[in-house]
């Protein structure tokens, strides 16, 4: 009886450790409206593609929205080939894993801050 209880305790402890280990990798999927408060962090975000802009250098800038806010997802020319072409259409629901940051630039005499979720590669976009 004592041995069975000891084995059960060890089995339960092991299962608990495995569960905690698995949960440490879980990241919830955020709405676009929630992204700003995670500046500097890596997040999973989901939104609907509302705009796509191709640059002359081969980069693709995808705008996603949740109806309240929007964020830009820059896909650099080295990663564009990894993106499923079906994801590059307006109206498609897109899930992105990337780092939240502000991109600051000048347009004419105005300083513009644009919120971005920058994926590590094109493979971090799913539709």
C-alpha atoms as a PDB file:
ATOM      1  CA  UNK A   1       0.000   0.000   0.000  1.00  0.00           C
ATOM      2  CA  UNK A   2       2.764   2.402   0.954  1.00  0.00           C
ATOM      3  CA  UNK A   3       4.663   1.625  -2.247  1.00  0.00           C
ATOM      4  CA  UNK A   4       1.565   2.258  -4.388  1.00  0.00           C
ATOM      5  CA  UNK A   5       1.006   5.601  -2.692  1.00  0.00           C
ATOM      6  CA  UNK A   6       4.652   6.553  -3.287  1.00  0.00           C
ATOM      7  CA  UNK A   7       4.428   5.602  -6.969  1.00  0.00           C
ATOM      8  CA  UNK A   8       1.181   7.507  -7.367  1.00  0.00           C
ATOM      9  CA  UNK A   9       2.747  10.595  -5.752  1.00  0.00           C
ATOM     10  CA  UNK A  10       5.740  10.454  -8.079  1.00  0.00           C
ATOM     11  CA  UNK A  11       3.519   9.946 -11.125  1.00  0.00           C
ATOM     12  CA  UNK A  12       1.300  12.880 -10.149  1.00  0.00           C
ATOM     13  CA  UNK A  13       4.325  15.136  -9.510  1.00  0.00           C
ATOM     14  CA  UNK A  14       5.818  14.181 -12.875  1.00  0.00           C
ATOM     15  CA  UNK A  15       2.543  14.886 -14.677  1.00  0.00           C
ATOM     16  CA  UNK A  16       2.312  18.258 -12.948  1.00  0.00           C
ATOM     17  CA  UNK A  17       5.828  19.203 -14.012  1.00  0.00           C
ATOM     18  CA  UNK A  18       5.087  18.218 -17.608  1.00  0.00           C
ATOM     19  CA  UNK A  19       1.920  20.321 -17.554  1.00  0.00           C
ATOM     20  CA  UNK A  20       3.792  23.363 -16.201  1.00  0.00           C
ATOM     21  CA  UNK A  21       6.513  22.898 -18.820  1.00  0.00           C
ATOM     22  CA  UNK A  22       3.917  22.749 -21.596  1.00  0.00           C
ATOM     23  CA  UNK A  23       2.067  25.814 -20.319  1.00  0.00           C
ATOM     24  CA  UNK A  24       5.294  27.825 -20.301  1.00  0.00           C
ATOM     25  CA  UNK A  25       5.239  27.732 -24.120  1.00  0.00           C
ATOM     26  CA  UNK A  26       1.587  28.747 -24.454  1.00  0.00           C
ATOM     27  CA  UNK A  27       0.916  32.286 -25.641  1.00  0.00           C
ATOM     28  CA  UNK A  28      -2.650  33.518 -26.044  1.00  0.00           C
ATOM     29  CA  UNK A  29      -3.738  35.030 -29.355  1.00  0.00           C
ATOM     30  CA  UNK A  30      -4.348  38.759 -28.922  1.00  0.00           C
ATOM     31  CA  UNK A  31      -6.701  41.080 -30.752  1.00  0.00           C
ATOM     32  CA  UNK A  32      -4.999  43.964 -32.554  1.00  0.00           C
ATOM     33  CA  UNK A  33      -6.438  46.372 -29.953  1.00  0.00           C
ATOM     34  CA  UNK A  34      -4.445  44.628 -27.202  1.00  0.00           C
ATOM     35  CA  UNK A  35      -1.048  44.644 -28.899  1.00  0.00           C
ATOM     36  CA  UNK A  36       0.186  48.122 -27.898  1.00  0.00           C
ATOM     37  CA  UNK A  37       0.533  47.238 -24.220  1.00  0.00           C
ATOM     38  CA  UNK A  38       2.992  44.454 -25.130  1.00  0.00           C
ATOM     39  CA  UNK A  39       5.652  46.707 -26.671  1.00  0.00           C
ATOM     40  CA  UNK A  40       8.956  44.854 -26.905  1.00  0.00           C
ATOM     41  CA  UNK A  41       7.373  41.448 -26.329  1.00  0.00           C
ATOM     42  CA  UNK A  42       6.795  38.607 -28.741  1.00  0.00           C
ATOM     43  CA  UNK A  43       3.073  38.010 -29.239  1.00  0.00           C
ATOM     44  CA  UNK A  44       0.529  36.102 -31.289  1.00  0.00           C
ATOM     45  CA  UNK A  45      -2.011  38.464 -32.814  1.00  0.00           C
ATOM     46  CA  UNK A  46      -4.986  37.917 -35.072  1.00  0.00           C
ATOM     47  CA  UNK A  47      -6.703  40.404 -37.346  1.00  0.00           C
ATOM     48  CA  UNK A  48      -8.254  40.867 -40.765  1.00  0.00           C
ATOM     49  CA  UNK A  49      -6.067  42.073 -43.627  1.00  0.00           C
ATOM     50  CA  UNK A  50      -7.237  45.577 -44.542  1.00  0.00           C
ATOM     51  CA  UNK A  51      -4.322  46.651 -46.707  1.00  0.00           C
ATOM     52  CA  UNK A  52      -1.248  45.378 -48.524  1.00  0.00           C
ATOM     53  CA  UNK A  53       1.559  47.583 -49.813  1.00  0.00           C
ATOM     54  CA  UNK A  54       4.511  46.314 -51.836  1.00  0.00           C
ATOM     55  CA  UNK A  55       7.698  48.364 -51.720  1.00  0.00           C
ATOM     56  CA  UNK A  56      10.169  48.760 -54.558  1.00  0.00           C
ATOM     57  CA  UNK A  57      12.767  46.911 -52.460  1.00  0.00           C
ATOM     58  CA  UNK A  58      10.587  43.781 -52.302  1.00  0.00           C
ATOM     59  CA  UNK A  59       9.242  44.222 -48.782  1.00  0.00           C
ATOM     60  CA  UNK A  60       5.494  43.718 -48.187  1.00  0.00           C
ATOM     61  CA  UNK A  61       3.635  45.746 -45.573  1.00  0.00           C
ATOM     62  CA  UNK A  62       0.390  44.117 -44.437  1.00  0.00           C
ATOM     63  CA  UNK A  63      -2.109  46.098 -42.360  1.00  0.00           C
ATOM     64  CA  UNK A  64      -4.354  44.041 -40.091  1.00  0.00           C
ATOM     65  CA  UNK A  65      -7.274  45.279 -38.010  1.00  0.00           C
ATOM     66  CA  UNK A  66      -9.776  44.046 -35.458  1.00  0.00           C
ATOM     67  CA  UNK A  67     -12.271  46.785 -36.350  1.00  0.00           C
ATOM     68  CA  UNK A  68     -11.031  49.079 -33.577  1.00  0.00           C
ATOM     69  CA  UNK A  69      -7.298  49.443 -34.199  1.00  0.00           C
ATOM     70  CA  UNK A  70      -4.789  48.438 -36.812  1.00  0.00           C
ATOM     71  CA  UNK A  71      -1.190  47.329 -36.875  1.00  0.00           C
ATOM     72  CA  UNK A  72       1.323  46.904 -39.687  1.00  0.00           C
ATOM     73  CA  UNK A  73       3.086  43.599 -40.267  1.00  0.00           C
ATOM     74  CA  UNK A  74       6.272  44.180 -42.286  1.00  0.00           C
ATOM     75  CA  UNK A  75       7.461  41.142 -44.217  1.00  0.00           C
ATOM     76  CA  UNK A  76      10.980  41.781 -45.423  1.00  0.00           C
ATOM     77  CA  UNK A  77      12.147  40.757 -48.887  1.00  0.00           C
ATOM     78  CA  UNK A  78      14.198  37.853 -47.497  1.00  0.00           C
ATOM     79  CA  UNK A  79      11.025  36.288 -46.036  1.00  0.00           C
ATOM     80  CA  UNK A  80       8.326  37.152 -48.585  1.00  0.00           C
ATOM     81  CA  UNK A  81       8.759  33.795 -50.360  1.00  0.00           C
ATOM     82  CA  UNK A  82       7.831  31.958 -47.140  1.00  0.00           C
ATOM     83  CA  UNK A  83       4.380  33.572 -46.929  1.00  0.00           C
ATOM     84  CA  UNK A  84       1.415  31.591 -48.246  1.00  0.00           C
ATOM     85  CA  UNK A  85       0.108  33.729 -51.164  1.00  0.00           C
ATOM     86  CA  UNK A  86      -3.461  33.058 -49.950  1.00  0.00           C
ATOM     87  CA  UNK A  87      -2.645  35.218 -46.895  1.00  0.00           C
ATOM     88  CA  UNK A  88      -1.834  38.238 -49.040  1.00  0.00           C
ATOM     89  CA  UNK A  89      -5.410  39.282 -49.802  1.00  0.00           C
ATOM     90  CA  UNK A  90      -7.658  41.854 -48.188  1.00  0.00           C
ATOM     91  CA  UNK A  91     -10.401  40.354 -46.026  1.00  0.00           C
ATOM     92  CA  UNK A  92      -8.353  37.297 -45.005  1.00  0.00           C
ATOM     93  CA  UNK A  93      -8.035  36.572 -41.283  1.00  0.00           C
ATOM     94  CA  UNK A  94      -4.314  36.506 -40.479  1.00  0.00           C
ATOM     95  CA  UNK A  95      -2.496  35.212 -37.413  1.00  0.00           C
ATOM     96  CA  UNK A  96       0.994  36.606 -36.844  1.00  0.00           C
ATOM     97  CA  UNK A  97       3.709  35.745 -34.347  1.00  0.00           C
ATOM     98  CA  UNK A  98       6.179  38.592 -33.929  1.00  0.00           C
ATOM     99  CA  UNK A  99       7.715  41.335 -31.804  1.00  0.00           C
ATOM    100  CA  UNK A 100       5.694  44.486 -31.034  1.00  0.00           C
ATOM    101  CA  UNK A 101       7.509  47.724 -31.774  1.00  0.00           C
ATOM    102  CA  UNK A 102       7.004  51.280 -32.919  1.00  0.00           C
ATOM    103  CA  UNK A 103       8.400  52.343 -36.274  1.00  0.00           C
ATOM    104  CA  UNK A 104       9.096  56.073 -36.269  1.00  0.00           C
ATOM    105  CA  UNK A 105       9.681  57.963 -39.520  1.00  0.00           C
ATOM    106  CA  UNK A 106       9.315  61.399 -41.066  1.00  0.00           C
ATOM    107  CA  UNK A 107       6.868  62.206 -43.806  1.00  0.00           C
ATOM    108  CA  UNK A 108       7.346  65.741 -45.005  1.00  0.00           C
ATOM    109  CA  UNK A 109       7.740  67.685 -41.745  1.00  0.00           C
ATOM    110  CA  UNK A 110       5.628  65.311 -39.661  1.00  0.00           C
ATOM    111  CA  UNK A 111       6.962  62.582 -37.375  1.00  0.00           C
ATOM    112  CA  UNK A 112       4.840  59.462 -37.691  1.00  0.00           C
ATOM    113  CA  UNK A 113       4.727  56.561 -35.225  1.00  0.00           C
ATOM    114  CA  UNK A 114       3.402  53.328 -36.620  1.00  0.00           C
ATOM    115  CA  UNK A 115       2.740  50.270 -34.459  1.00  0.00           C
ATOM    116  CA  UNK A 116       4.163  47.081 -35.943  1.00  0.00           C
ATOM    117  CA  UNK A 117       4.276  43.373 -35.202  1.00  0.00           C
ATOM    118  CA  UNK A 118       7.493  42.202 -36.827  1.00  0.00           C
ATOM    119  CA  UNK A 119       7.626  38.467 -37.584  1.00  0.00           C
ATOM    120  CA  UNK A 120      10.944  36.657 -37.439  1.00  0.00           C
ATOM    121  CA  UNK A 121      10.218  35.082 -40.809  1.00  0.00           C
ATOM    122  CA  UNK A 122       7.422  34.838 -43.348  1.00  0.00           C
ATOM    123  CA  UNK A 123       6.575  31.439 -41.907  1.00  0.00           C
ATOM    124  CA  UNK A 124       5.195  33.132 -38.796  1.00  0.00           C
ATOM    125  CA  UNK A 125       2.096  34.287 -40.684  1.00  0.00           C
ATOM    126  CA  UNK A 126      -0.894  31.945 -40.964  1.00  0.00           C
ATOM    127  CA  UNK A 127      -4.265  32.447 -42.584  1.00  0.00           C
END
